[in-house]
Amino acid sequence: MQVAAGPVWLPDGRVVGSDWLAGHAVSVNIEQRPVTIDTLLRGAPFAEPSPDGKWIAYAPSDFNSLWLEPLPRNGKRYQVLGSSADDPHWLSSTELVFSTSGGKAFDRTTIAATAENPVGPVRRWFSSSGVLETNGFTSQLSVDERVIYLQADIEAPVRSLRVVPDWVAKMKRAVDEAKP
């Protein structure tokens, strides 16, 4: 297992993270012997529980939506956004932030535990053309509600293409010549 996100400690002592290679959200109970690792969500490589441990927000592997489920899971789930979204982060137990527009923008919504549908309206928080989208979480929140994200230089368009005829044969010959 390769943990790409988290770990996030829940109030009940479990640790939640994302097994990015398998594409699952996992829960680890280090207080139990032997230590147990449980799969919370399959096909959800980007998942993050709320600070109070009552919710888990996640983007499925296809990154075409963002979902919210109660913890412990009870079969109910609520769609936060039905289009491209990922990197869910919690500002508080009731405020969820996530990236949209191919990682170029950050939106937020309020979560109300008492409502029939706990997801409030989604609103734009900010956008930046310099956000670098990579495999794995590309942003984090600070405790004072600032966002830390990977930023890329503006890419220049490719202006040339180099073709090397018989590249494989030339590489084999170079390797053979380099051998002692």
N, C-alpha and C. Protein backbone atom coordinates (compact mmCIF):
# COMPACT_ATOMS: atom_id res chain seq x y z
N MET A 1 0.85 -1.18 0.00
CA MET A 1 0.00 0.00 0.00
C MET A 1 0.89 1.24 0.00
N GLN A 2 0.57 2.19 -0.84
CA GLN A 2 1.27 3.46 -0.87
C GLN A 2 0.27 4.54 -0.50
N VAL A 3 0.48 5.18 0.65
CA VAL A 3 -0.44 6.22 1.09
C VAL A 3 -0.02 7.53 0.44
N ALA A 4 -0.95 8.12 -0.31
CA ALA A 4 -0.66 9.36 -1.02
C ALA A 4 -1.33 10.54 -0.36
N ALA A 5 -2.29 10.29 0.48
CA ALA A 5 -3.00 11.37 1.14
C ALA A 5 -3.15 11.03 2.61
N GLY A 6 -3.17 12.09 3.42
CA GLY A 6 -3.32 11.85 4.85
C GLY A 6 -1.97 11.69 5.47
N PRO A 7 -1.89 11.08 6.58
CA PRO A 7 -3.01 10.51 7.30
C PRO A 7 -3.79 11.58 8.06
N VAL A 8 -5.06 11.29 8.29
CA VAL A 8 -5.92 12.16 9.07
C VAL A 8 -6.39 11.36 10.28
N TRP A 9 -6.17 11.90 11.46
CA TRP A 9 -6.60 11.23 12.68
C TRP A 9 -8.05 11.55 12.94
N LEU A 10 -8.86 10.54 13.21
CA LEU A 10 -10.26 10.73 13.56
C LEU A 10 -10.39 10.76 15.08
N PRO A 11 -11.45 11.39 15.60
CA PRO A 11 -11.64 11.44 17.04
C PRO A 11 -11.71 10.06 17.71
N ASP A 12 -12.12 9.03 16.96
CA ASP A 12 -12.21 7.69 17.56
C ASP A 12 -10.88 6.96 17.56
N GLY A 13 -9.79 7.61 17.12
CA GLY A 13 -8.46 7.02 17.16
C GLY A 13 -8.01 6.37 15.87
N ARG A 14 -8.91 6.21 14.91
CA ARG A 14 -8.51 5.65 13.62
C ARG A 14 -7.75 6.68 12.80
N VAL A 15 -6.96 6.20 11.87
CA VAL A 15 -6.23 7.04 10.94
C VAL A 15 -6.78 6.72 9.55
N VAL A 16 -7.12 7.76 8.78
CA VAL A 16 -7.66 7.57 7.44
C VAL A 16 -6.68 8.16 6.43
N GLY A 17 -6.47 7.43 5.35
CA GLY A 17 -5.62 7.89 4.27
C GLY A 17 -6.09 7.29 2.97
N SER A 18 -5.41 7.60 1.90
CA SER A 18 -5.76 7.09 0.58
C SER A 18 -4.66 6.16 0.09
N ASP A 19 -5.06 4.95 -0.28
CA ASP A 19 -4.16 4.03 -0.96
C ASP A 19 -4.29 4.37 -2.44
N TRP A 20 -3.44 5.27 -2.90
CA TRP A 20 -3.59 5.82 -4.23
C TRP A 20 -3.39 4.78 -5.32
N LEU A 21 -2.46 3.86 -5.14
CA LEU A 21 -2.21 2.84 -6.17
C LEU A 21 -3.42 1.94 -6.37
N ALA A 22 -4.06 1.53 -5.27
CA ALA A 22 -5.25 0.70 -5.38
C ALA A 22 -6.49 1.54 -5.65
N GLY A 23 -6.42 2.83 -5.35
CA GLY A 23 -7.56 3.72 -5.56
C GLY A 23 -8.60 3.63 -4.47
N HIS A 24 -8.18 3.35 -3.23
CA HIS A 24 -9.12 3.18 -2.12
C HIS A 24 -8.82 4.15 -0.98
N ALA A 25 -9.87 4.50 -0.24
CA ALA A 25 -9.69 5.21 1.03
C ALA A 25 -9.64 4.12 2.10
N VAL A 26 -8.63 4.20 2.96
CA VAL A 26 -8.45 3.17 3.98
C VAL A 26 -8.47 3.77 5.38
N SER A 27 -8.82 2.92 6.32
CA SER A 27 -8.86 3.28 7.73
C SER A 27 -7.94 2.33 8.48
N VAL A 28 -7.07 2.88 9.32
CA VAL A 28 -6.12 2.06 10.08
C VAL A 28 -6.40 2.28 11.56
N ASN A 29 -6.59 1.17 12.27
CA ASN A 29 -6.80 1.25 13.72
C ASN A 29 -5.53 0.78 14.39
N ILE A 30 -4.70 1.74 14.86
CA ILE A 30 -3.42 1.37 15.46
C ILE A 30 -3.55 1.01 16.93
N GLU A 31 -4.73 1.25 17.52
CA GLU A 31 -4.96 0.88 18.92
C GLU A 31 -5.30 -0.59 19.05
N GLN A 32 -5.75 -1.20 17.98
CA GLN A 32 -6.16 -2.60 17.99
C GLN A 32 -4.96 -3.49 17.68
N ARG A 33 -4.90 -4.65 18.32
CA ARG A 33 -3.83 -5.62 18.04
C ARG A 33 -4.45 -6.90 17.54
N PRO A 34 -4.06 -7.42 16.41
CA PRO A 34 -3.12 -6.79 15.49
C PRO A 34 -3.74 -5.55 14.86
N VAL A 35 -2.87 -4.65 14.38
CA VAL A 35 -3.32 -3.44 13.71
C VAL A 35 -4.17 -3.85 12.51
N THR A 36 -5.30 -3.18 12.32
CA THR A 36 -6.17 -3.52 11.21
C THR A 36 -6.20 -2.40 10.18
N ILE A 37 -6.29 -2.80 8.92
CA ILE A 37 -6.46 -1.86 7.82
C ILE A 37 -7.75 -2.23 7.12
N ASP A 38 -8.71 -1.31 7.13
CA ASP A 38 -10.00 -1.54 6.50
C ASP A 38 -10.18 -0.61 5.31
N THR A 39 -10.79 -1.11 4.26
CA THR A 39 -11.11 -0.27 3.12
C THR A 39 -12.41 0.46 3.41
N LEU A 40 -12.36 1.78 3.43
CA LEU A 40 -13.57 2.59 3.63
C LEU A 40 -14.33 2.75 2.32
N LEU A 41 -13.61 3.09 1.26
CA LEU A 41 -14.22 3.35 -0.05
C LEU A 41 -13.35 2.76 -1.14
N ARG A 42 -13.95 2.06 -2.06
CA ARG A 42 -13.22 1.55 -3.23
C ARG A 42 -13.40 2.54 -4.37
N GLY A 43 -12.36 2.67 -5.19
CA GLY A 43 -12.45 3.58 -6.33
C GLY A 43 -12.51 5.04 -5.91
N ALA A 44 -11.88 5.36 -4.79
CA ALA A 44 -11.89 6.74 -4.27
C ALA A 44 -10.49 7.10 -3.78
N PRO A 45 -9.56 7.36 -4.72
CA PRO A 45 -8.18 7.62 -4.31
C PRO A 45 -7.98 8.95 -3.58
N PHE A 46 -8.93 9.87 -3.72
CA PHE A 46 -8.80 11.16 -3.07
C PHE A 46 -9.97 11.33 -2.12
N ALA A 47 -9.75 10.95 -0.88
CA ALA A 47 -10.80 11.01 0.14
C ALA A 47 -10.25 11.67 1.38
N GLU A 48 -11.09 12.44 2.04
CA GLU A 48 -10.64 13.08 3.27
C GLU A 48 -11.82 13.18 4.25
N PRO A 49 -11.63 12.66 5.48
CA PRO A 49 -12.68 12.77 6.48
C PRO A 49 -12.73 14.17 7.07
N SER A 50 -13.91 14.54 7.56
CA SER A 50 -14.05 15.83 8.23
C SER A 50 -13.32 15.78 9.57
N PRO A 51 -12.92 16.92 10.11
CA PRO A 51 -12.17 16.94 11.37
C PRO A 51 -12.93 16.29 12.54
N ASP A 52 -14.26 16.34 12.52
CA ASP A 52 -15.03 15.73 13.61
C ASP A 52 -15.31 14.25 13.36
N GLY A 53 -14.87 13.73 12.20
CA GLY A 53 -15.04 12.31 11.89
C GLY A 53 -16.45 11.92 11.48
N LYS A 54 -17.32 12.88 11.19
CA LYS A 54 -18.71 12.58 10.85
C LYS A 54 -18.96 12.41 9.36
N TRP A 55 -18.04 12.89 8.51
CA TRP A 55 -18.21 12.86 7.07
C TRP A 55 -16.92 12.42 6.39
N ILE A 56 -17.06 11.89 5.18
CA ILE A 56 -15.91 11.67 4.32
C ILE A 56 -16.26 12.19 2.94
N ALA A 57 -15.42 13.05 2.40
CA ALA A 57 -15.59 13.61 1.06
C ALA A 57 -14.59 12.90 0.15
N TYR A 58 -15.02 12.60 -1.08
CA TYR A 58 -14.11 11.87 -1.97
C TYR A 58 -14.45 12.12 -3.43
N ALA A 59 -13.42 11.99 -4.25
CA ALA A 59 -13.57 12.02 -5.71
C ALA A 59 -13.33 10.60 -6.20
N PRO A 60 -14.26 10.04 -6.98
CA PRO A 60 -14.02 8.71 -7.55
C PRO A 60 -12.84 8.72 -8.51
N SER A 61 -12.39 7.55 -8.89
CA SER A 61 -11.22 7.41 -9.76
C SER A 61 -11.36 8.12 -11.09
N ASP A 62 -12.59 8.32 -11.57
CA ASP A 62 -12.77 8.98 -12.86
C ASP A 62 -12.73 10.51 -12.75
N PHE A 63 -12.71 11.05 -11.53
CA PHE A 63 -12.62 12.49 -11.25
C PHE A 63 -13.75 13.29 -11.89
N ASN A 64 -14.90 12.65 -12.16
CA ASN A 64 -16.01 13.34 -12.79
C ASN A 64 -17.08 13.79 -11.80
N SER A 65 -16.80 13.67 -10.51
CA SER A 65 -17.77 14.10 -9.50
C SER A 65 -17.09 14.17 -8.15
N LEU A 66 -17.80 14.73 -7.18
CA LEU A 66 -17.33 14.78 -5.80
C LEU A 66 -18.50 14.38 -4.91
N TRP A 67 -18.23 13.51 -3.94
CA TRP A 67 -19.28 12.93 -3.11
C TRP A 67 -19.00 13.14 -1.63
N LEU A 68 -20.06 13.05 -0.85
CA LEU A 68 -19.99 13.17 0.60
C LEU A 68 -20.79 12.01 1.19
N GLU A 69 -20.20 11.33 2.19
CA GLU A 69 -20.91 10.26 2.89
C GLU A 69 -20.73 10.44 4.38
N PRO A 70 -21.75 10.03 5.16
CA PRO A 70 -21.59 10.08 6.61
C PRO A 70 -20.64 8.98 7.09
N LEU A 71 -19.97 9.22 8.19
CA LEU A 71 -19.17 8.21 8.87
C LEU A 71 -19.78 7.97 10.24
N PRO A 72 -20.03 6.74 10.65
CA PRO A 72 -19.81 5.54 9.85
C PRO A 72 -20.76 5.51 8.66
N ARG A 73 -20.32 4.81 7.62
CA ARG A 73 -21.10 4.76 6.38
C ARG A 73 -22.41 4.02 6.62
N ASN A 74 -23.49 4.56 6.06
CA ASN A 74 -24.81 3.96 6.25
C ASN A 74 -25.54 3.74 4.92
N GLY A 75 -24.84 3.82 3.81
CA GLY A 75 -25.45 3.62 2.50
C GLY A 75 -25.92 4.90 1.84
N LYS A 76 -25.94 5.99 2.57
CA LYS A 76 -26.34 7.27 1.98
C LYS A 76 -25.12 7.98 1.44
N ARG A 77 -25.29 8.66 0.32
CA ARG A 77 -24.23 9.50 -0.20
C ARG A 77 -24.87 10.69 -0.90
N TYR A 78 -24.13 11.79 -0.91
CA TYR A 78 -24.65 13.04 -1.43
C TYR A 78 -23.65 13.60 -2.43
N GLN A 79 -24.16 14.00 -3.59
CA GLN A 79 -23.29 14.56 -4.61
C GLN A 79 -23.01 16.03 -4.29
N VAL A 80 -21.72 16.34 -4.18
CA VAL A 80 -21.31 17.73 -3.96
C VAL A 80 -21.24 18.45 -5.29
N LEU A 81 -20.64 17.79 -6.28
CA LEU A 81 -20.47 18.37 -7.60
C LEU A 81 -20.52 17.26 -8.63
N GLY A 82 -21.22 17.47 -9.73
CA GLY A 82 -21.38 16.46 -10.76
C GLY A 82 -20.43 16.62 -11.92
N SER A 83 -19.41 17.43 -11.76
CA SER A 83 -18.42 17.60 -12.82
C SER A 83 -17.03 17.47 -12.23
N SER A 84 -16.03 17.67 -13.02
CA SER A 84 -14.64 17.47 -12.64
C SER A 84 -14.29 18.16 -11.33
N ALA A 85 -13.91 17.35 -10.33
CA ALA A 85 -13.52 17.88 -9.02
C ALA A 85 -12.63 16.87 -8.34
N ASP A 86 -11.70 17.36 -7.53
CA ASP A 86 -10.88 16.47 -6.71
C ASP A 86 -10.23 17.27 -5.59
N ASP A 87 -9.27 16.67 -4.91
CA ASP A 87 -8.56 17.29 -3.78
C ASP A 87 -9.50 17.86 -2.72
N PRO A 88 -10.42 17.05 -2.16
CA PRO A 88 -11.28 17.61 -1.12
C PRO A 88 -10.48 17.88 0.16
N HIS A 89 -10.73 19.03 0.76
CA HIS A 89 -10.10 19.41 2.03
C HIS A 89 -11.15 20.09 2.89
N TRP A 90 -11.00 19.97 4.19
CA TRP A 90 -11.95 20.56 5.12
C TRP A 90 -11.35 21.79 5.79
N LEU A 91 -12.05 22.93 5.69
CA LEU A 91 -11.66 24.11 6.45
C LEU A 91 -12.10 23.94 7.90
N SER A 92 -13.23 23.27 8.09
CA SER A 92 -13.77 22.95 9.41
C SER A 92 -14.66 21.74 9.21
N SER A 93 -15.34 21.30 10.23
CA SER A 93 -16.24 20.16 10.10
C SER A 93 -17.47 20.47 9.27
N THR A 94 -17.67 21.74 8.93
CA THR A 94 -18.85 22.13 8.14
C THR A 94 -18.50 22.87 6.86
N GLU A 95 -17.23 23.03 6.54
CA GLU A 95 -16.82 23.79 5.35
C GLU A 95 -15.84 22.94 4.53
N LEU A 96 -16.26 22.57 3.31
CA LEU A 96 -15.48 21.71 2.43
C LEU A 96 -14.97 22.53 1.24
N VAL A 97 -13.68 22.36 0.93
CA VAL A 97 -13.03 23.03 -0.20
C VAL A 97 -12.51 21.94 -1.14
N PHE A 98 -12.56 22.19 -2.45
CA PHE A 98 -12.09 21.20 -3.42
C PHE A 98 -11.67 21.92 -4.69
N SER A 99 -10.83 21.26 -5.48
CA SER A 99 -10.37 21.88 -6.73
C SER A 99 -11.30 21.47 -7.87
N THR A 100 -11.47 22.40 -8.81
CA THR A 100 -12.32 22.19 -9.97
C THR A 100 -11.62 22.76 -11.20
N SER A 101 -12.27 22.72 -12.32
CA SER A 101 -11.75 23.29 -13.57
C SER A 101 -10.36 22.76 -13.90
N GLY A 102 -10.22 21.44 -13.78
CA GLY A 102 -8.93 20.82 -14.07
C GLY A 102 -7.85 21.25 -13.10
N GLY A 103 -8.23 21.55 -11.87
CA GLY A 103 -7.27 21.96 -10.85
C GLY A 103 -6.95 23.44 -10.87
N LYS A 104 -7.55 24.21 -11.74
CA LYS A 104 -7.24 25.63 -11.87
C LYS A 104 -8.07 26.52 -10.96
N ALA A 105 -9.07 25.95 -10.28
CA ALA A 105 -9.92 26.75 -9.41
C ALA A 105 -10.22 25.96 -8.14
N PHE A 106 -10.60 26.69 -7.11
CA PHE A 106 -11.00 26.08 -5.84
C PHE A 106 -12.39 26.58 -5.50
N ASP A 107 -13.28 25.63 -5.21
CA ASP A 107 -14.65 25.95 -4.83
C ASP A 107 -14.86 25.48 -3.39
N ARG A 108 -15.97 25.93 -2.80
CA ARG A 108 -16.26 25.51 -1.43
C ARG A 108 -17.76 25.39 -1.25
N THR A 109 -18.14 24.62 -0.24
CA THR A 109 -19.53 24.45 0.12
C THR A 109 -19.63 24.25 1.62
N THR A 110 -20.81 24.51 2.15
CA THR A 110 -21.08 24.31 3.57
C THR A 110 -21.84 23.01 3.74
N ILE A 111 -21.51 22.27 4.77
CA ILE A 111 -22.17 21.00 5.08
C ILE A 111 -23.01 21.20 6.34
N ALA A 112 -24.30 20.88 6.25
CA ALA A 112 -25.22 21.02 7.39
C ALA A 112 -25.73 19.63 7.76
N ALA A 113 -25.32 19.13 8.89
CA ALA A 113 -25.65 17.77 9.30
C ALA A 113 -27.14 17.55 9.53
N THR A 114 -27.91 18.60 9.74
CA THR A 114 -29.33 18.44 10.06
C THR A 114 -30.24 18.49 8.84
N ALA A 115 -29.73 18.79 7.68
CA ALA A 115 -30.55 18.94 6.48
C ALA A 115 -30.80 17.60 5.79
N GLU A 116 -31.90 17.52 5.03
CA GLU A 116 -32.19 16.32 4.23
C GLU A 116 -31.05 16.05 3.25
N ASN A 117 -30.59 17.10 2.57
CA ASN A 117 -29.39 17.03 1.75
C ASN A 117 -28.39 17.99 2.41
N PRO A 118 -27.37 17.46 3.05
CA PRO A 118 -26.47 18.31 3.83
C PRO A 118 -25.56 19.23 3.03
N VAL A 119 -25.51 19.05 1.70
CA VAL A 119 -24.59 19.82 0.87
C VAL A 119 -25.23 21.15 0.48
N GLY A 120 -24.56 22.24 0.85
CA GLY A 120 -25.04 23.58 0.49
C GLY A 120 -24.62 23.93 -0.92
N PRO A 121 -24.96 25.15 -1.36
CA PRO A 121 -24.58 25.58 -2.71
C PRO A 121 -23.05 25.67 -2.85
N VAL A 122 -22.57 25.31 -4.03
CA VAL A 122 -21.14 25.39 -4.34
C VAL A 122 -20.85 26.79 -4.84
N ARG A 123 -19.79 27.40 -4.32
CA ARG A 123 -19.41 28.74 -4.75
C ARG A 123 -17.90 28.79 -5.01
N ARG A 124 -17.51 29.62 -5.95
CA ARG A 124 -16.09 29.77 -6.30
C ARG A 124 -15.36 30.45 -5.17
N TRP A 125 -14.22 29.89 -4.77
CA TRP A 125 -13.40 30.50 -3.73
C TRP A 125 -12.33 31.35 -4.39
N PHE A 126 -11.53 30.75 -5.28
CA PHE A 126 -10.56 31.51 -6.08
C PHE A 126 -10.09 30.62 -7.22
N SER A 127 -9.42 31.23 -8.19
CA SER A 127 -8.85 30.46 -9.30
C SER A 127 -7.45 31.00 -9.59
N SER A 128 -6.64 30.15 -10.23
CA SER A 128 -5.28 30.52 -10.60
C SER A 128 -4.86 29.68 -11.79
N SER A 129 -4.39 30.32 -12.82
CA SER A 129 -3.96 29.58 -14.02
C SER A 129 -2.64 28.86 -13.79
N GLY A 130 -1.97 29.16 -12.70
CA GLY A 130 -0.66 28.55 -12.45
C GLY A 130 -0.67 27.28 -11.63
N VAL A 131 -1.85 26.76 -11.27
CA VAL A 131 -1.89 25.54 -10.47
C VAL A 131 -1.40 24.37 -11.30
N LEU A 132 -0.47 23.62 -10.77
CA LEU A 132 0.07 22.45 -11.44
C LEU A 132 -0.71 21.23 -10.99
N GLU A 133 -1.38 20.58 -11.88
CA GLU A 133 -2.15 19.38 -11.58
C GLU A 133 -1.25 18.17 -11.76
N THR A 134 -1.13 17.34 -10.73
CA THR A 134 -0.28 16.15 -10.77
C THR A 134 -1.07 14.96 -10.26
N ASN A 135 -0.50 13.78 -10.35
CA ASN A 135 -1.11 12.60 -9.74
C ASN A 135 -0.96 12.72 -8.24
N GLY A 136 -2.05 12.66 -7.53
CA GLY A 136 -2.02 12.80 -6.07
C GLY A 136 -2.53 14.17 -5.67
N PHE A 137 -2.62 14.38 -4.37
CA PHE A 137 -3.08 15.68 -3.88
C PHE A 137 -2.08 16.75 -4.30
N THR A 138 -2.58 17.84 -4.85
CA THR A 138 -1.70 18.92 -5.30
C THR A 138 -1.88 20.17 -4.47
N SER A 139 -2.76 20.09 -3.47
CA SER A 139 -2.98 21.26 -2.62
C SER A 139 -3.25 20.81 -1.19
N GLN A 140 -3.03 21.73 -0.27
CA GLN A 140 -3.36 21.53 1.15
C GLN A 140 -3.81 22.85 1.71
N LEU A 141 -4.56 22.79 2.79
CA LEU A 141 -5.02 23.99 3.46
C LEU A 141 -4.18 24.24 4.70
N SER A 142 -3.96 25.49 5.01
CA SER A 142 -3.30 25.84 6.26
C SER A 142 -4.38 26.07 7.32
N VAL A 143 -4.00 26.13 8.58
CA VAL A 143 -4.98 26.30 9.65
C VAL A 143 -5.68 27.65 9.59
N ASP A 144 -5.10 28.62 8.90
CA ASP A 144 -5.74 29.93 8.79
C ASP A 144 -6.41 30.14 7.43
N GLU A 145 -6.84 29.03 6.81
CA GLU A 145 -7.61 29.02 5.57
C GLU A 145 -6.85 29.51 4.35
N ARG A 146 -5.56 29.39 4.34
CA ARG A 146 -4.80 29.67 3.12
C ARG A 146 -4.58 28.35 2.39
N VAL A 147 -4.37 28.43 1.08
CA VAL A 147 -4.15 27.23 0.28
C VAL A 147 -2.70 27.19 -0.15
N ILE A 148 -2.11 26.03 -0.01
CA ILE A 148 -0.77 25.78 -0.51
C ILE A 148 -0.94 24.85 -1.71
N TYR A 149 -0.44 25.24 -2.87
CA TYR A 149 -0.61 24.40 -4.04
C TYR A 149 0.66 24.44 -4.89
N LEU A 150 0.81 23.40 -5.71
CA LEU A 150 1.94 23.35 -6.63
C LEU A 150 1.67 24.32 -7.77
N GLN A 151 2.67 25.13 -8.10
CA GLN A 151 2.50 26.10 -9.16
C GLN A 151 3.50 25.80 -10.27
N ALA A 152 3.01 25.91 -11.49
CA ALA A 152 3.84 25.62 -12.65
C ALA A 152 4.18 26.90 -13.39
N ASP A 153 5.30 26.86 -14.09
CA ASP A 153 5.61 27.94 -15.01
C ASP A 153 4.65 27.82 -16.19
N ILE A 154 4.42 28.91 -16.85
CA ILE A 154 3.60 28.86 -18.04
C ILE A 154 4.38 28.10 -19.10
N GLU A 155 3.75 27.08 -19.64
CA GLU A 155 4.44 26.23 -20.61
C GLU A 155 4.48 26.89 -21.98
N ALA A 156 5.65 26.85 -22.60
CA ALA A 156 5.79 27.37 -23.95
C ALA A 156 5.42 26.26 -24.93
N PRO A 157 4.78 26.58 -26.03
CA PRO A 157 4.42 25.54 -26.99
C PRO A 157 5.68 24.95 -27.62
N VAL A 158 5.61 23.68 -27.97
CA VAL A 158 6.72 22.99 -28.62
C VAL A 158 6.87 23.56 -30.03
N ARG A 159 8.11 23.91 -30.39
CA ARG A 159 8.34 24.50 -31.69
C ARG A 159 9.11 23.59 -32.65
N SER A 160 9.58 22.43 -32.13
CA SER A 160 10.31 21.53 -33.02
C SER A 160 10.11 20.09 -32.57
N LEU A 161 10.41 19.19 -33.47
CA LEU A 161 10.34 17.77 -33.21
C LEU A 161 11.58 17.14 -33.79
N ARG A 162 12.27 16.34 -33.01
CA ARG A 162 13.49 15.71 -33.49
C ARG A 162 13.22 14.23 -33.68
N VAL A 163 13.52 13.72 -34.85
CA VAL A 163 13.33 12.31 -35.18
C VAL A 163 14.70 11.68 -35.31
N VAL A 164 14.91 10.56 -34.63
CA VAL A 164 16.19 9.84 -34.69
C VAL A 164 15.91 8.49 -35.34
N PRO A 165 16.27 8.33 -36.62
CA PRO A 165 16.05 7.05 -37.30
C PRO A 165 16.86 5.94 -36.63
N ASP A 166 16.28 4.78 -36.55
CA ASP A 166 16.95 3.58 -35.99
C ASP A 166 17.42 3.82 -34.55
N TRP A 167 16.62 4.51 -33.76
CA TRP A 167 17.00 4.87 -32.39
C TRP A 167 17.31 3.64 -31.55
N VAL A 168 16.49 2.60 -31.63
CA VAL A 168 16.68 1.41 -30.81
C VAL A 168 18.02 0.75 -31.16
N ALA A 169 18.28 0.59 -32.43
CA ALA A 169 19.55 -0.04 -32.86
C ALA A 169 20.74 0.79 -32.38
N LYS A 170 20.63 2.11 -32.47
CA LYS A 170 21.73 2.98 -32.04
C LYS A 170 21.93 2.88 -30.53
N MET A 171 20.85 2.77 -29.77
CA MET A 171 20.98 2.65 -28.31
C MET A 171 21.61 1.32 -27.93
N LYS A 172 21.21 0.24 -28.59
CA LYS A 172 21.80 -1.09 -28.31
C LYS A 172 23.30 -1.07 -28.60
N ARG A 173 23.64 -0.47 -29.73
CA ARG A 173 25.07 -0.39 -30.10
C ARG A 173 25.83 0.45 -29.07
N ALA A 174 25.28 1.54 -28.60
CA ALA A 174 25.94 2.38 -27.60
C ALA A 174 26.11 1.63 -26.28
N VAL A 175 25.12 0.84 -25.90
CA VAL A 175 25.22 0.05 -24.66
C VAL A 175 26.31 -1.01 -24.83
N ASP A 176 26.32 -1.70 -25.96
CA ASP A 176 27.34 -2.74 -26.20
C ASP A 176 28.74 -2.14 -26.19
N GLU A 177 28.92 -0.96 -26.77
CA GLU A 177 30.23 -0.31 -26.81
C GLU A 177 30.67 0.17 -25.43
N ALA A 178 29.70 0.46 -24.56
CA ALA A 178 30.03 0.95 -23.22
C ALA A 178 30.40 -0.16 -22.26
N LYS A 179 30.07 -1.40 -22.62
CA LYS A 179 30.39 -2.54 -21.74
C LYS A 179 31.91 -2.77 -21.74
N PRO A 180 32.48 -3.10 -20.56
CA PRO A 180 33.93 -3.35 -20.48
C PRO A 180 34.33 -4.66 -21.10
